[in-house]
Protein backbone atom coordinates (compact mmCIF):
# COMPACT_ATOMS: atom_id res chain seq x y z
CA UNK A 1 -50.74 1.16 -28.66
CA UNK A 2 -49.37 3.69 -26.24
CA UNK A 3 -47.23 6.74 -26.98
CA UNK A 4 -43.57 6.39 -25.98
CA UNK A 5 -42.44 9.99 -25.91
CA UNK A 6 -43.09 13.07 -28.02
CA UNK A 7 -40.52 14.34 -30.51
CA UNK A 8 -40.68 18.05 -31.19
CA UNK A 9 -39.43 19.92 -34.21
CA UNK A 10 -39.81 23.51 -35.36
CA UNK A 11 -42.28 24.36 -38.09
CA UNK A 12 -45.23 22.56 -39.54
CA UNK A 13 -45.36 19.11 -41.14
CA UNK A 14 -47.30 18.73 -44.40
CA UNK A 15 -45.70 15.69 -46.03
CA UNK A 16 -43.37 12.96 -44.84
CA UNK A 17 -41.53 10.05 -46.41
CA UNK A 18 -38.51 7.91 -45.56
CA UNK A 19 -35.74 7.44 -48.10
CA UNK A 20 -33.99 4.62 -46.23
CA UNK A 21 -31.70 6.98 -44.36
CA UNK A 22 -33.62 10.12 -43.43
CA UNK A 23 -37.15 11.35 -43.00
CA UNK A 24 -37.96 13.85 -45.74
CA UNK A 25 -40.43 16.52 -44.65
CA UNK A 26 -42.33 19.30 -46.37
CA UNK A 27 -43.98 22.27 -44.68
CA UNK A 28 -45.87 23.89 -47.55
CA UNK A 29 -42.89 26.01 -48.57
CA UNK A 30 -40.26 25.36 -51.25
CA UNK A 31 -38.01 23.38 -48.90
CA UNK A 32 -37.49 19.70 -48.33
CA UNK A 33 -36.00 19.00 -44.91
CA UNK A 34 -34.02 15.81 -44.31
CA UNK A 35 -34.21 14.75 -40.65
CA UNK A 36 -32.70 12.04 -38.49
CA UNK A 37 -35.43 9.39 -38.07
CA UNK A 38 -34.61 8.85 -34.38
CA UNK A 39 -34.19 12.43 -33.13
CA UNK A 40 -35.80 14.55 -35.90
CA UNK A 41 -32.61 16.64 -35.91
CA UNK A 42 -32.23 18.56 -39.18
CA UNK A 43 -29.53 16.93 -41.32
CA UNK A 44 -29.87 19.10 -44.43
CA UNK A 45 -32.39 20.87 -46.59
CA UNK A 46 -32.83 21.57 -50.27
CA UNK A 47 -34.85 24.19 -52.09
CA UNK A 48 -37.06 22.78 -54.84
CA UNK A 49 -36.90 24.52 -58.19
CA UNK A 50 -38.16 23.93 -61.72
CA UNK A 51 -36.55 25.62 -64.72
CA UNK A 52 -34.81 28.06 -62.36
CA UNK A 53 -38.02 29.01 -60.54
CA UNK A 54 -38.65 28.14 -56.90
CA UNK A 55 -41.59 25.74 -56.42
CA UNK A 56 -43.84 26.62 -53.48
CA UNK A 57 -46.69 24.78 -51.73
CA UNK A 58 -44.98 21.39 -51.65
CA UNK A 59 -47.37 19.05 -49.88
CA UNK A 60 -47.63 15.25 -49.76
CA UNK A 61 -44.39 13.29 -50.36
CA UNK A 62 -43.36 9.83 -51.51
CA UNK A 63 -39.71 8.74 -51.54
CA UNK A 64 -38.69 6.44 -54.39
CA UNK A 65 -34.98 5.64 -54.73
CA UNK A 66 -33.06 8.95 -54.96
CA UNK A 67 -36.14 10.97 -55.87
CA UNK A 68 -39.06 12.51 -54.03
CA UNK A 69 -42.51 12.72 -55.58
CA UNK A 70 -44.58 15.61 -54.28
CA UNK A 71 -47.91 17.13 -55.05
CA UNK A 72 -48.31 20.89 -55.22
CA UNK A 73 -51.06 22.02 -52.82
CA UNK A 74 -54.21 23.05 -54.66
CA UNK A 75 -53.10 21.70 -58.04
CA UNK A 76 -53.61 18.38 -59.79
CA UNK A 77 -49.89 18.15 -60.34
CA UNK A 78 -47.16 15.92 -58.98
CA UNK A 79 -43.49 16.73 -59.37
CA UNK A 80 -40.52 14.37 -59.30
CA UNK A 81 -37.61 15.95 -57.43
CA UNK A 82 -33.93 15.00 -57.40
CA UNK A 83 -33.39 14.58 -53.64
CA UNK A 84 -29.77 15.72 -53.84
CA UNK A 85 -30.20 18.94 -55.81
CA UNK A 86 -33.88 19.87 -55.38
CA UNK A 87 -34.28 20.09 -59.16
CA UNK A 88 -37.64 19.03 -60.59
CA UNK A 89 -36.96 16.48 -63.32
CA UNK A 90 -40.57 15.63 -64.21
CA UNK A 91 -44.04 17.11 -63.88
CA UNK A 92 -46.97 14.70 -63.78
CA UNK A 93 -50.41 15.95 -64.80
CA UNK A 94 -52.97 14.24 -62.55
CA UNK A 95 -55.95 16.22 -63.83
CA UNK A 96 -58.78 14.28 -65.40
CA UNK A 97 -58.69 11.39 -62.95
CA UNK A 98 -62.07 12.41 -61.54
CA UNK A 99 -65.17 13.00 -63.61
CA UNK A 100 -66.58 16.55 -63.58
CA UNK A 101 -69.31 15.45 -61.13
CA UNK A 102 -66.79 13.75 -58.81
CA UNK A 103 -64.48 16.78 -58.91
CA UNK A 104 -67.34 19.03 -57.76
CA UNK A 105 -67.66 17.04 -54.51
CA UNK A 106 -63.94 16.35 -54.03
CA UNK A 107 -61.17 18.43 -52.53
CA UNK A 108 -57.45 18.53 -53.34
CA UNK A 109 -55.14 15.80 -54.62
CA UNK A 110 -52.87 14.87 -51.72
CA UNK A 111 -52.28 11.14 -51.56
CA UNK A 112 -49.28 9.49 -53.21
CA UNK A 113 -48.03 5.96 -52.49
CA UNK A 114 -45.55 3.89 -54.48
CA UNK A 115 -46.00 0.14 -55.04
CA UNK A 116 -42.49 -1.19 -55.76
CA UNK A 117 -43.62 -4.68 -56.85
CA UNK A 118 -45.70 -3.30 -59.72
CA UNK A 119 -43.80 0.01 -60.12
CA UNK A 120 -47.12 1.83 -59.97
CA UNK A 121 -48.43 4.67 -57.82
CA UNK A 122 -51.63 5.01 -55.86
CA UNK A 123 -53.14 8.50 -56.12
CA UNK A 124 -56.05 9.97 -54.21
CA UNK A 125 -57.15 13.15 -52.49
CA UNK A 126 -59.35 14.62 -49.81
CA UNK A 127 -62.95 13.51 -50.29
CA UNK A 128 -62.00 11.66 -53.47
CA UNK A 129 -64.33 8.72 -54.15
CA UNK A 130 -61.52 6.58 -55.59
CA UNK A 131 -57.91 5.58 -55.22
CA UNK A 132 -56.29 5.32 -58.65
CA UNK A 133 -53.45 2.95 -59.46
CA UNK A 134 -51.39 4.55 -62.21
CA UNK A 135 -48.23 3.82 -64.12
CA UNK A 136 -46.15 6.88 -64.82
CA UNK A 137 -44.70 6.90 -68.31
CA UNK A 138 -42.79 9.64 -70.14
CA UNK A 139 -44.52 11.39 -73.02
């Protein structure tokens, strides 16, 4: 592999996913930026909010249909975001995946991947000893 050419964009990239049309980026703030996949030009942005409150520290992203799944930096929590409005329409509690001993040696949750064939998610984090395959179901 050899680099072709660098693409520059303002800000910092924390999370990235592709929704079929645009790259969706997070920078640790409350914004999701939608960018052209070829030029990285900003197409639009949405502010993420839950129950009227702005959600900050948006980190890792996974695009699934018209929604974006994101973990909140430093928390064992994943939110499901309506990509059009920025409204959080579900909060997923990912605590308890690690044992107490594993959690002592691990760092933050920050890995989310969707498996469309099984409709399951793979979850992991920094220094986590496992990758968990989970099915998300409403309570």
